[in-house]
Amino acid sequence: MTDLLTRLTEMLDDLDADVDETIDLADEIAASGDAAMLPRLQAELDRALVERNAYARELLGGVLAAIGGPDALPALLRASSVDLGDDQDSLAAEIVDLVQADPERSRALLQPLTDDDDLTVAHRAEWALRFLPNA
């Protein structure tokens, strides 16, 4: 039997997959809270970036945020720094929600990224830090 994450990635790769079913499956995986999926989620998010799949980045980023919490911020920031020509509204909202949910942990994770060698990552980290309460 195909596991849920494999099924999701198959749906994200299938241009004919039902959008509502794909979103429902992503929501189901996110609700599971299964931290064992984090390495695979990260790998699939990385693959989505290489394949320039903005739709997959948004959905996988949301699942990664739901399961990984603030610890997912570095991966989400790096994913967000890749210009795929989309507006990234959902991904940006996930990042802001995580920053505001745990300001101390978020600051500790984001501050070092402001000195990243990739200036796009550094700028995204500075952007995210602006959402800290009393920033």
Protein backbone atom coordinates (compact mmCIF):
# COMPACT_ATOMS: atom_id res chain seq x y z
CA MET A 1 0.00 0.00 0.00
CA THR A 2 1.27 3.45 -0.90
CA ASP A 3 1.96 5.63 2.12
CA LEU A 4 0.33 9.05 2.34
CA LEU A 5 3.43 11.11 1.56
CA THR A 6 4.24 9.02 -1.50
CA ARG A 7 0.66 9.42 -2.66
CA LEU A 8 0.87 13.20 -2.12
CA THR A 9 4.06 13.50 -4.14
CA GLU A 10 2.49 11.44 -6.92
CA MET A 11 -0.49 13.79 -6.93
CA LEU A 12 1.78 16.85 -6.97
CA ASP A 13 3.57 15.41 -10.00
CA ASP A 14 0.32 14.61 -11.82
CA LEU A 15 -1.03 17.61 -13.72
CA ASP A 16 -4.43 15.91 -13.86
CA ALA A 17 -4.69 15.23 -10.11
CA ASP A 18 -7.74 16.69 -8.40
CA VAL A 19 -6.65 19.87 -6.60
CA ASP A 20 -9.14 19.48 -3.75
CA GLU A 21 -8.09 15.87 -3.14
CA THR A 22 -4.44 16.91 -3.17
CA ILE A 23 -5.05 19.68 -0.65
CA ASP A 24 -7.14 17.35 1.53
CA LEU A 25 -4.34 14.79 1.54
CA ALA A 26 -1.76 17.46 2.45
CA ASP A 27 -4.04 18.57 5.30
CA GLU A 28 -4.38 14.97 6.51
CA ILE A 29 -0.62 14.51 6.56
CA ALA A 30 -0.14 17.84 8.35
CA ALA A 31 -2.74 16.89 10.96
CA SER A 32 -0.95 13.60 11.63
CA GLY A 33 1.92 15.45 13.28
CA ASP A 34 4.18 12.56 12.27
CA ALA A 35 7.69 13.93 12.81
CA ALA A 36 9.15 10.81 11.19
CA MET A 37 8.03 12.34 7.86
CA LEU A 38 10.20 15.45 8.26
CA PRO A 39 13.29 14.19 6.37
CA ARG A 40 11.15 13.01 3.45
CA LEU A 41 9.15 16.23 3.47
CA GLN A 42 12.38 18.21 3.31
CA ALA A 43 13.66 16.06 0.46
CA GLU A 44 10.41 16.48 -1.47
CA LEU A 45 10.46 20.22 -0.85
CA ASP A 46 14.01 20.35 -2.20
CA ARG A 47 12.91 18.35 -5.25
CA ALA A 48 10.02 20.77 -5.83
CA LEU A 49 12.51 23.63 -5.89
CA VAL A 50 14.80 21.87 -8.34
CA GLU A 51 11.80 21.09 -10.55
CA ARG A 52 10.55 24.68 -10.14
CA ASN A 53 7.16 23.45 -8.91
CA ALA A 54 5.64 26.36 -6.99
CA TYR A 55 2.43 24.45 -6.25
CA ALA A 56 4.35 21.61 -4.61
CA ARG A 57 6.50 24.11 -2.70
CA GLU A 58 3.39 25.74 -1.23
CA LEU A 59 1.70 22.49 -0.19
CA LEU A 60 4.83 20.77 1.08
CA GLY A 61 5.90 23.93 2.88
CA GLY A 62 2.58 24.02 4.68
CA VAL A 63 2.89 20.39 5.74
CA LEU A 64 6.50 20.93 6.83
CA ALA A 65 5.45 23.97 8.88
CA ALA A 66 2.57 22.09 10.51
CA ILE A 67 4.68 19.13 11.52
CA GLY A 68 8.06 20.79 12.08
CA GLY A 69 6.88 23.94 13.81
CA PRO A 70 9.40 26.76 14.24
CA ASP A 71 12.29 24.34 13.70
CA ALA A 72 11.18 24.20 10.05
CA LEU A 73 11.85 27.93 9.61
CA PRO A 74 15.35 27.61 8.10
CA ALA A 75 14.10 25.15 5.47
CA LEU A 76 11.05 27.28 4.74
CA LEU A 77 13.15 30.44 4.45
CA ARG A 78 15.54 28.76 2.06
CA ALA A 79 12.61 27.44 -0.01
CA SER A 80 11.05 30.90 0.00
CA SER A 81 14.27 32.45 -1.26
CA VAL A 82 13.94 30.62 -4.59
CA ASP A 83 12.07 32.71 -7.15
CA LEU A 84 9.58 30.46 -8.91
CA GLY A 85 7.50 33.33 -10.24
CA ASP A 86 4.63 32.86 -7.80
CA ASP A 87 3.37 35.16 -5.05
CA GLN A 88 4.19 32.75 -2.19
CA ASP A 89 1.22 33.99 -0.17
CA SER A 90 0.65 30.66 1.57
CA LEU A 91 4.31 30.04 2.29
CA ALA A 92 4.77 33.57 3.61
CA ALA A 93 1.76 33.13 5.88
CA GLU A 94 3.18 29.86 7.22
CA ILE A 95 6.49 31.58 8.00
CA VAL A 96 4.80 34.52 9.74
CA ASP A 97 2.57 32.19 11.78
CA LEU A 98 5.57 30.17 12.96
CA VAL A 99 7.54 33.30 13.87
CA GLN A 100 4.67 34.67 15.90
CA ALA A 101 3.85 31.33 17.55
CA ASP A 102 7.30 30.99 19.15
CA PRO A 103 9.20 34.29 19.00
CA GLU A 104 12.20 33.21 21.07
CA ARG A 105 12.86 30.02 19.12
CA SER A 106 12.22 31.83 15.84
CA ARG A 107 14.71 34.58 16.65
CA ALA A 108 17.34 31.98 17.55
CA LEU A 109 16.81 30.19 14.23
CA LEU A 110 16.44 33.23 12.00
CA GLN A 111 19.12 35.57 13.33
CA PRO A 112 22.04 33.46 12.06
CA LEU A 113 20.41 33.32 8.62
CA THR A 114 20.71 37.10 8.30
CA ASP A 115 24.43 36.49 7.71
CA ASP A 116 23.88 33.72 5.15
CA ASP A 117 26.19 33.74 2.13
CA ASP A 118 23.08 33.66 -0.07
CA LEU A 119 21.85 37.26 0.12
CA THR A 120 18.33 36.23 -0.83
CA VAL A 121 18.19 33.94 2.21
CA ALA A 122 19.65 36.71 4.39
CA HIS A 123 17.02 39.18 3.16
CA ARG A 124 14.19 36.67 3.71
CA ALA A 125 15.44 36.11 7.27
CA GLU A 126 15.47 39.87 7.90
CA TRP A 127 11.94 40.06 6.49
CA ALA A 128 10.73 37.24 8.77
CA LEU A 129 12.31 38.80 11.85
CA ARG A 130 10.13 41.89 11.33
CA PHE A 131 7.15 39.76 12.36
CA LEU A 132 8.47 39.08 15.83
CA PRO A 133 6.32 40.72 18.47
CA ASN A 134 7.91 44.00 19.55
CA ALA A 135 10.50 43.66 16.78
